[in-house]
Amino acid sequence: MASLCVYCGSSPGFEPAYRELAIAVGKEIADEGHTLVYGGGRTGLMGAGADSVLGNGGKVVGLIPGLLATEELTHTGLTELHTVSSMHERKHFTASRADAFLALPGGIGTLEEIMEVVVWTQLGLHPKPCALSNLCGFYDPLVQMLQQMAGACFLRSDTLSPWPASGPCVPDA
């Protein structure tokens, strides 16, 4: 079975639908027999998703940097929990353990993590799929910015799949 890395907020956000999405994604991961790979936290959407996978009989691999590994933040009920030395090490570890990447709503860390693996895909460092869950239009501004980059010939159109780029100049290579 596959491992899915889910990036999402360590906060629950203001919209209850965000938490419901994290729970639904967790249930789907468990029901399909996949493994969740994520940041190792117990709060916010991260904790809700991990709890959902575990509550539905699935496996969860958490990777938490030592600077965040406190009793209040670390999810201690995971299938595997790895404490790593830095955020960079966490990103490398999650990228090596996951077969695909999904960003749910989250903050600047979520954005930074998903964008890094998208860049790695674009550069050919891995062929793994990357996706945004655009619940309530959360990622509309980002998609619009990416489309603007493609339209200005700073981004290949295939990077935007499944969101088609617009504009007169969309290079394919």
N, C-alpha and C. Protein backbone atom coordinates (compact mmCIF):
# COMPACT_ATOMS: atom_id res chain seq x y z
N MET A 1 0.83 -1.19 0.00
CA MET A 1 0.00 0.00 0.00
C MET A 1 0.87 1.25 0.00
N ALA A 2 0.27 2.35 -0.31
CA ALA A 2 0.99 3.61 -0.48
C ALA A 2 1.05 4.41 0.83
N SER A 3 1.99 5.33 0.86
CA SER A 3 2.10 6.29 1.96
C SER A 3 1.78 7.67 1.41
N LEU A 4 0.89 8.39 2.08
CA LEU A 4 0.49 9.72 1.67
C LEU A 4 0.96 10.72 2.70
N CYS A 5 1.74 11.71 2.26
CA CYS A 5 2.16 12.80 3.14
C CYS A 5 1.10 13.88 3.07
N VAL A 6 0.54 14.22 4.22
CA VAL A 6 -0.47 15.28 4.28
C VAL A 6 0.13 16.45 5.06
N TYR A 7 0.16 17.60 4.39
CA TYR A 7 0.57 18.85 5.03
C TYR A 7 -0.70 19.60 5.41
N CYS A 8 -0.73 20.13 6.63
CA CYS A 8 -1.90 20.89 7.07
C CYS A 8 -1.55 21.66 8.34
N GLY A 9 -2.49 22.46 8.79
CA GLY A 9 -2.24 23.34 9.91
C GLY A 9 -2.14 22.62 11.25
N SER A 10 -1.27 23.14 12.10
CA SER A 10 -1.21 22.68 13.49
C SER A 10 -2.26 23.41 14.32
N SER A 11 -2.99 24.28 13.67
CA SER A 11 -4.14 24.98 14.24
C SER A 11 -5.38 24.42 13.54
N PRO A 12 -6.54 24.50 14.18
CA PRO A 12 -7.75 24.01 13.52
C PRO A 12 -8.33 24.98 12.50
N GLY A 13 -7.88 26.24 12.50
CA GLY A 13 -8.48 27.23 11.61
C GLY A 13 -9.86 27.63 12.11
N PHE A 14 -10.46 28.61 11.49
CA PHE A 14 -11.76 29.11 11.94
C PHE A 14 -12.93 28.37 11.35
N GLU A 15 -12.73 27.72 10.22
CA GLU A 15 -13.81 27.05 9.49
C GLU A 15 -13.93 25.60 9.94
N PRO A 16 -15.06 25.20 10.56
CA PRO A 16 -15.21 23.81 11.00
C PRO A 16 -15.03 22.78 9.88
N ALA A 17 -15.32 23.18 8.66
CA ALA A 17 -15.17 22.25 7.52
C ALA A 17 -13.72 21.81 7.33
N TYR A 18 -12.75 22.62 7.75
CA TYR A 18 -11.34 22.23 7.62
C TYR A 18 -11.05 21.01 8.48
N ARG A 19 -11.53 21.03 9.71
CA ARG A 19 -11.32 19.88 10.61
C ARG A 19 -12.05 18.65 10.07
N GLU A 20 -13.27 18.85 9.58
CA GLU A 20 -14.04 17.75 9.02
C GLU A 20 -13.30 17.14 7.83
N LEU A 21 -12.66 17.98 7.03
CA LEU A 21 -11.88 17.48 5.89
C LEU A 21 -10.70 16.64 6.37
N ALA A 22 -9.97 17.13 7.38
CA ALA A 22 -8.83 16.37 7.91
C ALA A 22 -9.28 15.00 8.41
N ILE A 23 -10.41 14.96 9.07
CA ILE A 23 -10.96 13.69 9.58
C ILE A 23 -11.36 12.77 8.43
N ALA A 24 -12.01 13.34 7.41
CA ALA A 24 -12.44 12.54 6.25
C ALA A 24 -11.24 11.99 5.48
N VAL A 25 -10.22 12.82 5.29
CA VAL A 25 -9.01 12.36 4.60
C VAL A 25 -8.35 11.25 5.41
N GLY A 26 -8.28 11.41 6.72
CA GLY A 26 -7.71 10.37 7.57
C GLY A 26 -8.46 9.05 7.46
N LYS A 27 -9.77 9.14 7.46
CA LYS A 27 -10.58 7.92 7.34
C LYS A 27 -10.34 7.24 5.99
N GLU A 28 -10.27 8.03 4.93
CA GLU A 28 -10.03 7.48 3.60
C GLU A 28 -8.66 6.80 3.52
N ILE A 29 -7.65 7.43 4.11
CA ILE A 29 -6.31 6.83 4.12
C ILE A 29 -6.35 5.47 4.80
N ALA A 30 -6.99 5.41 5.97
CA ALA A 30 -7.09 4.14 6.71
C ALA A 30 -7.92 3.11 5.95
N ASP A 31 -9.07 3.54 5.42
CA ASP A 31 -9.96 2.62 4.71
C ASP A 31 -9.29 2.01 3.48
N GLU A 32 -8.41 2.77 2.83
CA GLU A 32 -7.72 2.28 1.63
C GLU A 32 -6.46 1.48 1.98
N GLY A 33 -6.14 1.38 3.27
CA GLY A 33 -4.96 0.62 3.69
C GLY A 33 -3.65 1.35 3.49
N HIS A 34 -3.72 2.67 3.31
CA HIS A 34 -2.52 3.47 3.11
C HIS A 34 -1.97 3.92 4.47
N THR A 35 -0.79 4.50 4.46
CA THR A 35 -0.15 5.03 5.66
C THR A 35 -0.08 6.55 5.55
N LEU A 36 -0.41 7.23 6.63
CA LEU A 36 -0.25 8.68 6.71
C LEU A 36 1.16 9.00 7.16
N VAL A 37 1.81 9.89 6.43
CA VAL A 37 3.11 10.45 6.83
C VAL A 37 2.85 11.93 7.05
N TYR A 38 3.23 12.44 8.22
CA TYR A 38 2.93 13.84 8.51
C TYR A 38 3.88 14.37 9.58
N GLY A 39 3.65 15.60 10.01
CA GLY A 39 4.55 16.32 10.89
C GLY A 39 4.63 15.91 12.33
N GLY A 40 3.86 14.96 12.79
CA GLY A 40 3.99 14.40 14.13
C GLY A 40 3.30 15.15 15.25
N GLY A 41 2.51 16.16 14.93
CA GLY A 41 1.84 16.95 15.96
C GLY A 41 0.50 16.37 16.37
N ARG A 42 0.04 16.80 17.55
CA ARG A 42 -1.25 16.32 18.03
C ARG A 42 -2.33 17.40 18.03
N THR A 43 -1.98 18.61 17.61
CA THR A 43 -2.93 19.72 17.64
C THR A 43 -3.46 20.04 16.25
N GLY A 44 -4.52 20.80 16.20
CA GLY A 44 -5.08 21.31 14.97
C GLY A 44 -5.49 20.25 13.97
N LEU A 45 -5.39 20.61 12.70
CA LEU A 45 -5.75 19.67 11.63
C LEU A 45 -4.82 18.48 11.61
N MET A 46 -3.54 18.72 11.95
CA MET A 46 -2.58 17.61 11.99
C MET A 46 -3.04 16.51 12.94
N GLY A 47 -3.39 16.91 14.14
CA GLY A 47 -3.84 15.94 15.14
C GLY A 47 -5.14 15.28 14.76
N ALA A 48 -6.08 16.06 14.21
CA ALA A 48 -7.38 15.51 13.82
C ALA A 48 -7.21 14.45 12.73
N GLY A 49 -6.36 14.73 11.75
CA GLY A 49 -6.13 13.77 10.68
C GLY A 49 -5.46 12.50 11.18
N ALA A 50 -4.43 12.66 12.01
CA ALA A 50 -3.73 11.49 12.56
C ALA A 50 -4.67 10.65 13.42
N ASP A 51 -5.45 11.32 14.27
CA ASP A 51 -6.40 10.60 15.12
C ASP A 51 -7.41 9.83 14.29
N SER A 52 -7.84 10.41 13.17
CA SER A 52 -8.80 9.75 12.31
C SER A 52 -8.21 8.50 11.68
N VAL A 53 -6.98 8.59 11.19
CA VAL A 53 -6.33 7.41 10.61
C VAL A 53 -6.23 6.33 11.67
N LEU A 54 -5.72 6.68 12.84
CA LEU A 54 -5.56 5.69 13.92
C LEU A 54 -6.89 5.12 14.37
N GLY A 55 -7.90 5.98 14.51
CA GLY A 55 -9.22 5.55 14.96
C GLY A 55 -9.92 4.63 13.98
N ASN A 56 -9.47 4.66 12.73
CA ASN A 56 -10.04 3.79 11.70
C ASN A 56 -9.12 2.64 11.35
N GLY A 57 -8.15 2.35 12.25
CA GLY A 57 -7.30 1.18 12.11
C GLY A 57 -6.11 1.35 11.19
N GLY A 58 -5.78 2.58 10.83
CA GLY A 58 -4.67 2.80 9.92
C GLY A 58 -3.35 3.06 10.61
N LYS A 59 -2.31 3.23 9.80
CA LYS A 59 -0.95 3.46 10.30
C LYS A 59 -0.56 4.92 10.06
N VAL A 60 0.19 5.47 11.04
CA VAL A 60 0.62 6.86 10.97
C VAL A 60 2.10 6.95 11.33
N VAL A 61 2.86 7.61 10.45
CA VAL A 61 4.27 7.88 10.70
C VAL A 61 4.39 9.39 10.92
N GLY A 62 4.88 9.76 12.10
CA GLY A 62 5.07 11.17 12.42
C GLY A 62 6.54 11.52 12.49
N LEU A 63 6.86 12.73 12.00
CA LEU A 63 8.24 13.21 12.00
C LEU A 63 8.24 14.61 12.59
N ILE A 64 8.74 14.74 13.80
CA ILE A 64 8.69 16.03 14.48
C ILE A 64 10.10 16.52 14.79
N PRO A 65 10.38 17.77 14.48
CA PRO A 65 11.70 18.32 14.82
C PRO A 65 11.85 18.46 16.34
N GLY A 66 13.07 18.27 16.81
CA GLY A 66 13.33 18.37 18.24
C GLY A 66 12.85 19.66 18.86
N LEU A 67 12.94 20.78 18.14
CA LEU A 67 12.50 22.06 18.70
C LEU A 67 11.00 22.12 18.94
N LEU A 68 10.24 21.24 18.30
CA LEU A 68 8.78 21.18 18.49
C LEU A 68 8.35 19.98 19.34
N ALA A 69 9.28 19.12 19.69
CA ALA A 69 8.95 17.87 20.39
C ALA A 69 8.72 18.12 21.87
N THR A 70 7.59 18.75 22.18
CA THR A 70 7.21 18.96 23.56
C THR A 70 6.00 18.09 23.87
N GLU A 71 5.74 17.92 25.15
CA GLU A 71 4.60 17.10 25.57
C GLU A 71 3.28 17.66 25.04
N GLU A 72 3.20 18.98 24.89
CA GLU A 72 1.96 19.61 24.41
C GLU A 72 1.76 19.44 22.91
N LEU A 73 2.84 19.29 22.15
CA LEU A 73 2.73 19.27 20.70
C LEU A 73 2.86 17.90 20.06
N THR A 74 3.64 17.01 20.64
CA THR A 74 3.93 15.71 20.04
C THR A 74 2.78 14.73 20.21
N HIS A 75 2.41 14.09 19.12
CA HIS A 75 1.39 13.02 19.18
C HIS A 75 2.10 11.74 19.58
N THR A 76 1.78 11.23 20.76
CA THR A 76 2.52 10.07 21.28
C THR A 76 1.86 8.73 20.97
N GLY A 77 0.71 8.73 20.28
CA GLY A 77 0.03 7.46 20.01
C GLY A 77 0.20 6.95 18.60
N LEU A 78 1.24 7.37 17.91
CA LEU A 78 1.41 7.02 16.50
C LEU A 78 2.01 5.63 16.32
N THR A 79 1.85 5.10 15.13
CA THR A 79 2.47 3.82 14.78
C THR A 79 3.99 3.96 14.84
N GLU A 80 4.51 5.04 14.28
CA GLU A 80 5.93 5.37 14.35
C GLU A 80 6.05 6.87 14.61
N LEU A 81 6.96 7.23 15.50
CA LEU A 81 7.26 8.64 15.73
C LEU A 81 8.77 8.81 15.69
N HIS A 82 9.22 9.72 14.84
CA HIS A 82 10.64 9.99 14.71
C HIS A 82 10.88 11.45 15.09
N THR A 83 11.81 11.67 16.00
CA THR A 83 12.23 13.03 16.32
C THR A 83 13.48 13.30 15.49
N VAL A 84 13.41 14.36 14.71
CA VAL A 84 14.51 14.71 13.81
C VAL A 84 15.14 16.02 14.27
N SER A 85 16.31 16.32 13.74
CA SER A 85 17.07 17.46 14.24
C SER A 85 16.60 18.81 13.72
N SER A 86 15.89 18.83 12.59
CA SER A 86 15.52 20.12 12.00
C SER A 86 14.30 19.98 11.10
N MET A 87 13.74 21.13 10.72
CA MET A 87 12.65 21.13 9.76
C MET A 87 13.14 20.59 8.41
N HIS A 88 14.36 20.92 8.05
CA HIS A 88 14.92 20.42 6.79
C HIS A 88 14.96 18.89 6.79
N GLU A 89 15.42 18.31 7.89
CA GLU A 89 15.48 16.85 7.98
C GLU A 89 14.07 16.26 7.92
N ARG A 90 13.11 16.92 8.58
CA ARG A 90 11.73 16.42 8.53
C ARG A 90 11.22 16.41 7.10
N LYS A 91 11.45 17.48 6.36
CA LYS A 91 10.98 17.55 4.98
C LYS A 91 11.63 16.49 4.12
N HIS A 92 12.91 16.28 4.31
CA HIS A 92 13.61 15.24 3.54
C HIS A 92 13.05 13.86 3.88
N PHE A 93 12.85 13.59 5.18
CA PHE A 93 12.35 12.30 5.63
C PHE A 93 10.94 12.05 5.09
N THR A 94 10.04 13.06 5.20
CA THR A 94 8.68 12.86 4.70
C THR A 94 8.69 12.63 3.19
N ALA A 95 9.54 13.36 2.48
CA ALA A 95 9.61 13.20 1.03
C ALA A 95 10.09 11.80 0.65
N SER A 96 11.00 11.25 1.44
CA SER A 96 11.51 9.92 1.12
C SER A 96 10.52 8.82 1.52
N ARG A 97 9.68 9.06 2.51
CA ARG A 97 8.72 8.04 2.98
C ARG A 97 7.40 8.05 2.23
N ALA A 98 7.06 9.17 1.58
CA ALA A 98 5.74 9.31 0.96
C ALA A 98 5.77 8.98 -0.53
N ASP A 99 4.63 8.48 -1.01
CA ASP A 99 4.45 8.21 -2.43
C ASP A 99 3.69 9.33 -3.13
N ALA A 100 3.04 10.20 -2.34
CA ALA A 100 2.27 11.33 -2.87
C ALA A 100 2.11 12.35 -1.75
N PHE A 101 1.75 13.59 -2.14
CA PHE A 101 1.66 14.70 -1.20
C PHE A 101 0.34 15.43 -1.38
N LEU A 102 -0.27 15.81 -0.27
CA LEU A 102 -1.53 16.53 -0.28
C LEU A 102 -1.46 17.65 0.74
N ALA A 103 -1.84 18.85 0.32
CA ALA A 103 -1.93 19.97 1.24
C ALA A 103 -3.39 20.27 1.54
N LEU A 104 -3.75 20.19 2.81
CA LEU A 104 -5.03 20.67 3.30
C LEU A 104 -4.82 22.12 3.72
N PRO A 105 -5.85 22.82 4.14
CA PRO A 105 -5.64 24.18 4.63
C PRO A 105 -4.60 24.22 5.75
N GLY A 106 -3.84 25.29 5.77
CA GLY A 106 -2.81 25.46 6.78
C GLY A 106 -2.15 26.81 6.63
N GLY A 107 -1.07 27.00 7.34
CA GLY A 107 -0.37 28.28 7.35
C GLY A 107 0.86 28.27 6.47
N ILE A 108 1.79 29.13 6.81
CA ILE A 108 2.99 29.34 6.01
C ILE A 108 3.84 28.07 5.93
N GLY A 109 3.86 27.27 7.00
CA GLY A 109 4.61 26.02 6.98
C GLY A 109 4.02 25.03 5.99
N THR A 110 2.70 24.92 5.97
CA THR A 110 2.02 24.05 5.01
C THR A 110 2.34 24.49 3.59
N LEU A 111 2.24 25.78 3.35
CA LEU A 111 2.52 26.32 2.02
C LEU A 111 3.96 26.04 1.61
N GLU A 112 4.89 26.28 2.52
CA GLU A 112 6.31 26.07 2.21
C GLU A 112 6.59 24.61 1.91
N GLU A 113 6.00 23.70 2.68
CA GLU A 113 6.26 22.27 2.49
C GLU A 113 5.71 21.76 1.16
N ILE A 114 4.46 22.11 0.83
CA ILE A 114 3.90 21.61 -0.42
C ILE A 114 4.61 22.24 -1.61
N MET A 115 4.98 23.51 -1.52
CA MET A 115 5.66 24.15 -2.64
C MET A 115 7.03 23.53 -2.87
N GLU A 116 7.72 23.14 -1.80
CA GLU A 116 9.02 22.53 -1.98
C GLU A 116 8.91 21.21 -2.74
N VAL A 117 7.93 20.36 -2.40
CA VAL A 117 7.83 19.08 -3.13
C VAL A 117 7.32 19.29 -4.55
N VAL A 118 6.54 20.35 -4.78
CA VAL A 118 6.14 20.68 -6.15
C VAL A 118 7.38 21.07 -6.97
N VAL A 119 8.25 21.86 -6.39
CA VAL A 119 9.50 22.24 -7.06
C VAL A 119 10.33 20.99 -7.35
N TRP A 120 10.42 20.08 -6.38
CA TRP A 120 11.19 18.85 -6.60
C TRP A 120 10.60 18.03 -7.74
N THR A 121 9.27 18.02 -7.85
CA THR A 121 8.62 17.33 -8.96
C THR A 121 8.98 18.01 -10.28
N GLN A 122 8.87 19.34 -10.30
CA GLN A 122 9.17 20.10 -11.51
C GLN A 122 10.61 19.88 -11.96
N LEU A 123 11.53 19.78 -11.01
CA LEU A 123 12.95 19.59 -11.33
C LEU A 123 13.29 18.14 -11.67
N GLY A 124 12.32 17.24 -11.51
CA GLY A 124 12.55 15.83 -11.80
C GLY A 124 13.27 15.09 -10.70
N LEU A 125 13.28 15.64 -9.50
CA LEU A 125 13.93 14.97 -8.37
C LEU A 125 13.10 13.80 -7.87
N HIS A 126 11.80 13.83 -8.12
CA HIS A 126 10.92 12.70 -7.86
C HIS A 126 9.69 12.82 -8.76
N PRO A 127 9.03 11.69 -9.07
CA PRO A 127 7.85 11.72 -9.93
C PRO A 127 6.54 11.66 -9.13
N LYS A 128 6.57 12.05 -7.88
CA LYS A 128 5.43 11.84 -6.99
C LYS A 128 4.37 12.93 -7.17
N PRO A 129 3.10 12.52 -7.19
CA PRO A 129 2.03 13.50 -7.35
C PRO A 129 1.90 14.42 -6.14
N CYS A 130 1.55 15.66 -6.43
CA CYS A 130 1.33 16.69 -5.41
C CYS A 130 -0.03 17.33 -5.68
N ALA A 131 -0.81 17.57 -4.63
CA ALA A 131 -2.14 18.13 -4.82
C ALA A 131 -2.51 19.07 -3.68
N LEU A 132 -3.42 19.97 -3.99
CA LEU A 132 -4.01 20.88 -3.00
C LEU A 132 -5.46 20.47 -2.80
N SER A 133 -5.92 20.46 -1.59
CA SER A 133 -7.34 20.29 -1.32
C SER A 133 -7.92 21.68 -1.12
N ASN A 134 -8.66 22.13 -2.10
CA ASN A 134 -9.10 23.53 -2.16
C ASN A 134 -10.47 23.75 -1.54
N LEU A 135 -10.69 23.17 -0.39
CA LEU A 135 -11.97 23.31 0.31
C LEU A 135 -12.28 24.77 0.57
N CYS A 136 -13.50 25.17 0.28
CA CYS A 136 -13.98 26.54 0.52
C CYS A 136 -13.13 27.56 -0.24
N GLY A 137 -12.47 27.14 -1.32
CA GLY A 137 -11.64 28.05 -2.10
C GLY A 137 -10.39 28.50 -1.38
N PHE A 138 -9.96 27.73 -0.38
CA PHE A 138 -8.82 28.12 0.44
C PHE A 138 -7.58 28.45 -0.39
N TYR A 139 -7.31 27.65 -1.41
CA TYR A 139 -6.10 27.84 -2.21
C TYR A 139 -6.33 28.63 -3.49
N ASP A 140 -7.51 29.20 -3.68
CA ASP A 140 -7.77 29.99 -4.90
C ASP A 140 -6.71 31.06 -5.15
N PRO A 141 -6.32 31.86 -4.15
CA PRO A 141 -5.30 32.88 -4.41
C PRO A 141 -3.95 32.28 -4.85
N LEU A 142 -3.58 31.15 -4.29
CA LEU A 142 -2.33 30.50 -4.70
C LEU A 142 -2.42 30.00 -6.13
N VAL A 143 -3.52 29.34 -6.47
CA VAL A 143 -3.70 28.84 -7.83
C VAL A 143 -3.67 30.01 -8.81
N GLN A 144 -4.32 31.11 -8.45
CA GLN A 144 -4.30 32.29 -9.31
C GLN A 144 -2.87 32.81 -9.50
N MET A 145 -2.09 32.83 -8.43
CA MET A 145 -0.70 33.28 -8.52
C MET A 145 0.12 32.35 -9.42
N LEU A 146 -0.08 31.05 -9.26
CA LEU A 146 0.64 30.08 -10.10
C LEU A 146 0.25 30.23 -11.57
N GLN A 147 -1.03 30.48 -11.83
CA GLN A 147 -1.48 30.70 -13.20
C GLN A 147 -0.85 31.97 -13.77
N GLN A 148 -0.73 32.99 -12.93
CA GLN A 148 -0.08 34.22 -13.37
C GLN A 148 1.39 33.96 -13.71
N MET A 149 2.08 33.16 -12.89
CA MET A 149 3.48 32.81 -13.16
C MET A 149 3.60 32.07 -14.49
N ALA A 150 2.69 31.12 -14.74
CA ALA A 150 2.71 30.38 -16.00
C ALA A 150 2.42 31.30 -17.17
N GLY A 151 1.46 32.18 -17.01
CA GLY A 151 1.12 33.11 -18.08
C GLY A 151 2.26 34.05 -18.41
N ALA A 152 3.12 34.33 -17.43
CA ALA A 152 4.28 35.21 -17.64
C ALA A 152 5.53 34.41 -18.01
N CYS A 153 5.37 33.13 -18.26
CA CYS A 153 6.46 32.24 -18.68
C CYS A 153 7.52 32.02 -17.60
N PHE A 154 7.11 32.01 -16.36
CA PHE A 154 8.02 31.68 -15.26
C PHE A 154 7.75 30.30 -14.69
N LEU A 155 6.74 29.61 -15.22
CA LEU A 155 6.33 28.32 -14.69
C LEU A 155 5.80 27.48 -15.83
N ARG A 156 6.24 26.23 -15.92
CA ARG A 156 5.73 25.32 -16.95
C ARG A 156 4.26 25.01 -16.68
N SER A 157 3.49 24.89 -17.73
CA SER A 157 2.06 24.62 -17.57
C SER A 157 1.79 23.28 -16.90
N ASP A 158 2.65 22.27 -17.12
CA ASP A 158 2.40 20.96 -16.52
C ASP A 158 2.54 20.99 -15.00
N THR A 159 3.20 22.00 -14.45
CA THR A 159 3.30 22.14 -13.00
C THR A 159 1.94 22.43 -12.39
N LEU A 160 1.05 23.03 -13.15
CA LEU A 160 -0.25 23.44 -12.64
C LEU A 160 -1.30 22.34 -12.69
N SER A 161 -0.99 21.23 -13.29
CA SER A 161 -1.98 20.17 -13.40
C SER A 161 -2.51 19.82 -12.01
N PRO A 162 -3.80 19.75 -11.80
CA PRO A 162 -4.90 19.79 -12.76
C PRO A 162 -5.48 21.18 -12.99
N TRP A 163 -4.80 22.24 -12.61
CA TRP A 163 -5.31 23.60 -12.84
C TRP A 163 -4.65 24.16 -14.07
N PRO A 164 -5.38 24.31 -15.17
CA PRO A 164 -4.76 24.77 -16.41
C PRO A 164 -4.26 26.21 -16.27
N ALA A 165 -3.11 26.45 -16.86
CA ALA A 165 -2.55 27.80 -16.87
C ALA A 165 -3.28 28.63 -17.91
N SER A 166 -3.30 29.91 -17.68
CA SER A 166 -3.92 30.82 -18.65
C SER A 166 -2.86 31.78 -19.14
N GLY A 167 -3.17 32.50 -20.19
CA GLY A 167 -2.25 33.50 -20.71
C GLY A 167 -1.69 33.07 -22.04
N PRO A 168 -1.08 34.02 -22.76
CA PRO A 168 -0.62 33.74 -24.11
C PRO A 168 0.65 32.92 -24.19
N CYS A 169 1.43 32.86 -23.11
CA CYS A 169 2.72 32.19 -23.18
C CYS A 169 2.82 31.14 -22.08
N VAL A 170 2.58 29.87 -22.44
CA VAL A 170 2.63 28.79 -21.47
C VAL A 170 3.60 27.74 -22.00
N PRO A 171 4.88 27.86 -21.64
CA PRO A 171 5.87 26.91 -22.18
C PRO A 171 5.63 25.50 -21.68
N ASP A 172 5.86 24.53 -22.54
CA ASP A 172 5.68 23.13 -22.17
C ASP A 172 6.96 22.47 -21.73
N ALA A 173 8.09 23.09 -21.91
CA ALA A 173 9.35 22.48 -21.50
C ALA A 173 10.27 23.50 -20.88
